[in-house]
Amino acid sequence: MPYPEMKGRVVLVTGGASGLGLAAGQSFAREGAHVVLADLRAEHAVAEAARIGAGHLGLGGDVSSESDVATLVDTTLARYGRLDVLINSAGIPDSFKPTLDQDVADFRRLVDIHLSGTYMMCKAAAPQMLRQGRGAMINLSSVAGVLGLARRNAYSAAKAGIGMMTRTLGCEWAAQGIRVNAIAPGYMLTPFMQKLVDDGKLDAGLVRRRTPAGRLGSAQHIADAMLFLASDSAEFITGVTLPVDGGYMAWGAVGDAYTGPLN
């Protein structure tokens, strides 16, 4: 579905150098938006922005640093003069360790990046969007923020927090033209997930059996949902978390959700 209203709009994507963030940036660019890819790995962000083409920007920054967050937004405004869409995609994996073996410092770091980073980015972007009288923020939750996944305390807590913060911010700014929504991806075949499979932390076959659609999702599935939520077609949608998971969270029966062949 084309979104001609995206032409000329400015989109800032954290975690934009790979995975879901990069797919989002590429998709918005195809619709004519100016895209800023922000990532902890500055050189990767710059390189990917250059691959997308002229008119786009790559920046380095740590979303858990308040000064870095301010710089990301200020640099975007200095370059383009406005900010229409914020996508909070930056994140790191958790340890997958039993609770008694988890390190508190690791727990705090993960929550700081996912939850505090999302909060600070939204707070930094809001003044410009309020001046414009419109804007869209899209946060990344997860199936882990809705379902109970053992040994993933920090990640699950952070993603659940993002879901609730999306509600509160969506309610706070709705009348002033800012919409805040979240997407809860299921198991998407990104480089991050492939590494979990390769490291033996995730059984892809088991996940597919548990997913009614019988397959893993792609980064493009998430990017397509982001485009919709950022578009004028979603102008009366705010404060929601949209599952994009092939039915994973809807399945509640005993046994496999999918019994077909695993091609």
Protein backbone atom coordinates (compact mmCIF):
# COMPACT_ATOMS: atom_id res chain seq x y z
CA MET A 1 0.00 0.00 0.00
CA PRO A 2 1.53 3.35 -0.99
CA TYR A 3 1.65 6.24 1.46
CA PRO A 4 2.15 9.40 -0.63
CA GLU A 5 1.78 11.60 2.46
CA MET A 6 5.20 10.33 3.62
CA LYS A 7 7.00 12.25 0.88
CA GLY A 8 9.19 14.88 2.50
CA ARG A 9 8.48 13.81 6.06
CA VAL A 10 11.41 13.29 8.43
CA VAL A 11 11.80 9.94 10.17
CA LEU A 12 14.33 9.26 12.95
CA VAL A 13 15.04 5.57 13.59
CA THR A 14 17.11 4.38 16.55
CA GLY A 15 18.80 1.02 16.17
CA GLY A 16 18.68 1.89 12.50
CA ALA A 17 21.84 0.22 11.23
CA SER A 18 20.45 -3.33 11.14
CA GLY A 19 17.45 -5.60 11.62
CA LEU A 20 14.02 -4.09 12.20
CA GLY A 21 15.30 -0.52 12.37
CA LEU A 22 17.10 -0.72 9.05
CA ALA A 23 14.10 -2.33 7.34
CA ALA A 24 11.94 0.49 8.65
CA GLY A 25 14.34 3.14 7.41
CA GLN A 26 14.52 1.59 3.97
CA SER A 27 10.73 1.35 3.74
CA PHE A 28 10.12 4.95 4.74
CA ALA A 29 12.78 6.09 2.28
CA ARG A 30 10.99 4.25 -0.53
CA GLU A 31 7.90 6.29 0.31
CA GLY A 32 9.87 9.51 -0.15
CA ALA A 33 10.70 10.34 3.48
CA HIS A 34 13.99 11.76 4.70
CA VAL A 35 15.42 9.09 7.01
CA VAL A 36 17.88 9.47 9.87
CA LEU A 37 19.43 6.18 10.95
CA ALA A 38 20.81 6.41 14.49
CA ASP A 39 22.84 3.60 15.97
CA LEU A 40 25.45 2.94 18.64
CA ARG A 41 27.68 1.84 15.74
CA ALA A 42 28.09 5.19 14.02
CA GLU A 43 30.05 3.86 11.05
CA HIS A 44 27.35 1.31 10.25
CA ALA A 45 24.62 3.95 10.48
CA VAL A 46 26.50 6.25 8.13
CA ALA A 47 27.16 3.43 5.66
CA GLU A 48 23.55 2.22 5.62
CA ALA A 49 22.21 5.75 5.20
CA ALA A 50 24.53 6.20 2.23
CA ARG A 51 23.26 2.94 0.71
CA ILE A 52 19.68 4.17 0.98
CA GLY A 53 20.70 7.18 -1.09
CA ALA A 54 20.99 10.95 -1.10
CA GLY A 55 18.91 12.95 1.35
CA HIS A 56 19.34 10.57 4.26
CA LEU A 57 21.58 10.75 7.32
CA GLY A 58 23.46 8.31 9.56
CA LEU A 59 24.32 9.23 13.15
CA GLY A 60 26.02 7.58 16.08
CA GLY A 61 24.56 7.70 19.57
CA ASP A 62 23.66 5.76 22.71
CA VAL A 63 19.97 6.01 23.59
CA SER A 64 20.77 5.37 27.26
CA SER A 65 22.73 8.66 27.31
CA GLU A 66 20.58 11.76 27.77
CA SER A 67 23.17 13.95 26.07
CA ASP A 68 23.41 11.59 23.09
CA VAL A 69 19.63 11.53 22.80
CA ALA A 70 19.50 15.32 22.74
CA THR A 71 22.22 15.43 20.10
CA LEU A 72 20.37 12.96 17.86
CA VAL A 73 17.21 15.07 17.89
CA ASP A 74 19.06 18.41 17.62
CA THR A 75 21.14 17.19 14.67
CA THR A 76 18.04 15.93 12.90
CA LEU A 77 16.30 19.29 13.36
CA ALA A 78 19.39 21.21 12.26
CA ARG A 79 19.53 19.18 9.05
CA TYR A 80 15.83 18.99 8.14
CA GLY A 81 14.03 21.56 10.30
CA ARG A 82 11.32 19.16 11.46
CA LEU A 83 10.65 15.70 12.87
CA ASP A 84 7.54 13.80 11.86
CA VAL A 85 8.13 10.19 12.88
CA LEU A 86 10.20 8.68 15.69
CA ILE A 87 10.86 4.94 15.67
CA ASN A 88 12.41 3.53 18.84
CA SER A 89 14.06 0.31 17.68
CA ALA A 90 17.35 0.35 19.60
CA GLY A 91 17.92 -2.61 21.88
CA ILE A 92 20.21 -5.39 23.08
CA PRO A 93 19.53 -9.06 23.92
CA ASP A 94 19.27 -10.36 27.44
CA SER A 95 21.24 -13.19 29.01
CA PHE A 96 18.74 -16.11 28.86
CA LYS A 97 20.14 -17.16 32.25
CA PRO A 98 18.19 -18.50 35.24
CA THR A 99 17.24 -15.67 37.59
CA LEU A 100 19.74 -16.67 40.28
CA ASP A 101 22.55 -16.50 37.72
CA GLN A 102 21.57 -13.12 36.27
CA ASP A 103 23.80 -10.13 36.88
CA VAL A 104 22.06 -7.06 38.31
CA ALA A 105 24.30 -4.73 36.31
CA ASP A 106 23.25 -6.49 33.09
CA PHE A 107 19.60 -6.19 34.13
CA ARG A 108 19.96 -2.45 34.70
CA ARG A 109 21.83 -1.91 31.43
CA LEU A 110 19.18 -3.67 29.38
CA VAL A 111 16.31 -1.79 31.03
CA ASP A 112 18.21 1.47 30.63
CA ILE A 113 18.61 0.95 26.88
CA HIS A 114 15.17 -0.43 26.05
CA LEU A 115 12.89 1.37 28.50
CA SER A 116 14.77 4.48 29.59
CA GLY A 117 16.10 4.97 26.07
CA THR A 118 12.59 4.87 24.62
CA TYR A 119 11.38 7.31 27.28
CA MET A 120 14.20 9.78 26.67
CA MET A 121 13.82 9.65 22.89
CA CYS A 122 10.08 10.31 23.12
CA LYS A 123 10.65 13.15 25.57
CA ALA A 124 13.32 14.72 23.36
CA ALA A 125 11.24 14.46 20.18
CA ALA A 126 7.99 15.71 21.69
CA PRO A 127 8.70 19.48 21.84
CA GLN A 128 9.23 19.72 18.08
CA MET A 129 6.20 17.56 17.32
CA LEU A 130 4.10 19.70 19.68
CA ARG A 131 5.24 22.82 17.84
CA GLN A 132 4.25 21.21 14.56
CA GLY A 133 0.91 20.09 15.96
CA ARG A 134 1.45 16.56 14.69
CA GLY A 135 3.81 13.62 14.90
CA ALA A 136 3.94 9.85 15.28
CA MET A 137 6.03 7.82 17.68
CA ILE A 138 6.38 4.06 17.26
CA ASN A 139 7.96 1.98 20.01
CA LEU A 140 9.14 -1.62 19.91
CA SER A 141 7.56 -3.94 22.43
CA SER A 142 7.68 -7.73 22.03
CA VAL A 143 5.83 -10.96 22.68
CA ALA A 144 8.10 -10.99 25.74
CA GLY A 145 6.31 -7.89 27.01
CA VAL A 146 2.96 -9.67 26.94
CA LEU A 147 3.65 -13.36 27.60
CA GLY A 148 5.67 -14.83 30.46
CA LEU A 149 9.04 -16.00 29.13
CA ALA A 150 11.19 -17.65 31.78
CA ARG A 151 14.82 -16.55 32.17
CA ARG A 152 14.16 -13.28 30.31
CA ASN A 153 13.40 -11.01 33.26
CA ALA A 154 15.10 -7.81 32.12
CA TYR A 155 13.93 -7.98 28.51
CA SER A 156 10.37 -8.88 29.45
CA ALA A 157 10.14 -6.19 32.12
CA ALA A 158 11.50 -3.54 29.75
CA LYS A 159 9.16 -4.49 26.91
CA ALA A 160 6.14 -4.60 29.22
CA GLY A 161 7.12 -1.16 30.47
CA ILE A 162 7.31 0.13 26.91
CA GLY A 163 3.78 -1.12 26.30
CA MET A 164 2.39 0.78 29.29
CA MET A 165 4.44 3.90 28.58
CA THR A 166 3.03 3.85 25.05
CA ARG A 167 -0.45 4.01 26.55
CA THR A 168 0.35 6.84 28.93
CA LEU A 169 2.16 8.99 26.35
CA GLY A 170 -0.51 8.26 23.76
CA CYS A 171 -3.15 9.57 26.15
CA GLU A 172 -1.10 12.58 27.23
CA TRP A 173 -0.38 13.93 23.75
CA ALA A 174 -3.35 12.74 21.67
CA ALA A 175 -5.23 16.05 21.72
CA GLN A 176 -2.07 17.89 20.68
CA GLY A 177 -1.57 15.87 17.52
CA ILE A 178 1.07 13.35 18.62
CA ARG A 179 0.18 9.68 18.29
CA VAL A 180 2.19 7.11 20.24
CA ASN A 181 1.85 3.44 19.38
CA ALA A 182 3.91 0.29 19.76
CA ILE A 183 4.45 -2.90 17.82
CA ALA A 184 4.98 -6.25 19.52
CA PRO A 185 6.90 -8.39 17.03
CA GLY A 186 6.71 -12.13 17.24
CA TYR A 187 9.65 -14.25 16.18
CA MET A 188 11.06 -12.43 13.16
CA LEU A 189 13.95 -13.88 11.17
CA THR A 190 16.42 -11.03 11.66
CA PRO A 191 20.21 -11.29 12.18
CA PHE A 192 19.53 -10.99 15.92
CA MET A 193 17.18 -13.98 15.91
CA GLN A 194 19.42 -16.00 13.61
CA LYS A 195 22.21 -15.61 16.16
CA LEU A 196 19.92 -16.92 18.91
CA VAL A 197 19.18 -19.96 16.73
CA ASP A 198 22.86 -20.45 15.91
CA ASP A 199 23.82 -20.16 19.59
CA GLY A 200 21.27 -22.80 20.56
CA LYS A 201 19.14 -20.36 22.57
CA LEU A 202 16.10 -20.70 20.33
CA ASP A 203 14.55 -23.68 18.53
CA ALA A 204 13.19 -22.28 15.25
CA GLY A 205 11.17 -25.42 14.53
CA LEU A 206 9.49 -25.27 17.92
CA VAL A 207 8.63 -21.60 17.42
CA ARG A 208 7.08 -22.34 14.03
CA ARG A 209 4.95 -25.11 15.52
CA ARG A 210 3.77 -22.68 18.21
CA THR A 211 2.89 -20.02 15.58
CA PRO A 212 -0.51 -20.43 13.87
CA ALA A 213 0.93 -19.07 10.61
CA GLY A 214 3.52 -21.87 10.68
CA ARG A 215 6.43 -19.65 9.77
CA LEU A 216 8.72 -16.95 11.07
CA GLY A 217 8.10 -13.33 10.26
CA SER A 218 10.44 -10.94 8.48
CA ALA A 219 11.72 -7.47 9.23
CA GLN A 220 9.57 -6.22 6.35
CA HIS A 221 6.42 -7.34 8.16
CA ILE A 222 7.33 -4.98 11.01
CA ALA A 223 8.31 -2.17 8.66
CA ASP A 224 4.96 -2.43 6.89
CA ALA A 225 3.13 -2.12 10.22
CA MET A 226 5.25 0.89 11.13
CA LEU A 227 4.40 2.59 7.86
CA PHE A 228 0.71 2.13 8.55
CA LEU A 229 0.90 3.41 12.13
CA ALA A 230 2.89 6.46 11.01
CA SER A 231 0.55 7.21 8.11
CA ASP A 232 -2.53 9.40 7.94
CA SER A 233 -4.59 6.21 7.63
CA ALA A 234 -3.93 5.64 11.35
CA GLU A 235 -4.75 9.19 12.45
CA PHE A 236 -7.25 8.03 15.12
CA ILE A 237 -5.07 5.25 16.53
CA THR A 238 -2.96 5.97 19.59
CA GLY A 239 -1.84 4.24 22.78
CA VAL A 240 -2.06 0.73 21.34
CA THR A 241 0.39 -2.14 21.06
CA LEU A 242 -0.10 -3.99 17.78
CA PRO A 243 1.02 -7.64 17.68
CA VAL A 244 2.73 -8.62 14.43
CA ASP A 245 3.37 -12.26 15.19
CA GLY A 246 1.51 -14.64 12.88
CA GLY A 247 -1.01 -15.32 15.64
CA TYR A 248 1.58 -16.35 18.25
CA MET A 249 0.01 -14.41 21.13
CA ALA A 250 -3.52 -15.34 20.12
CA TRP A 251 -2.88 -19.09 20.45
CA GLY A 252 -3.93 -20.48 23.81
CA ALA A 253 -4.75 -24.15 23.24
CA VAL A 254 -2.69 -27.13 24.35
CA GLY A 255 -0.41 -28.50 21.65
CA ASP A 256 0.98 -27.15 18.41
CA ALA A 257 -0.75 -24.26 16.68
CA TYR A 258 0.60 -25.43 13.31
CA THR A 259 0.77 -29.08 12.25
CA GLY A 260 1.77 -28.74 8.62
CA PRO A 261 5.17 -29.35 7.03
CA LEU A 262 8.15 -27.22 8.08
CA ASN A 263 9.51 -26.36 4.66
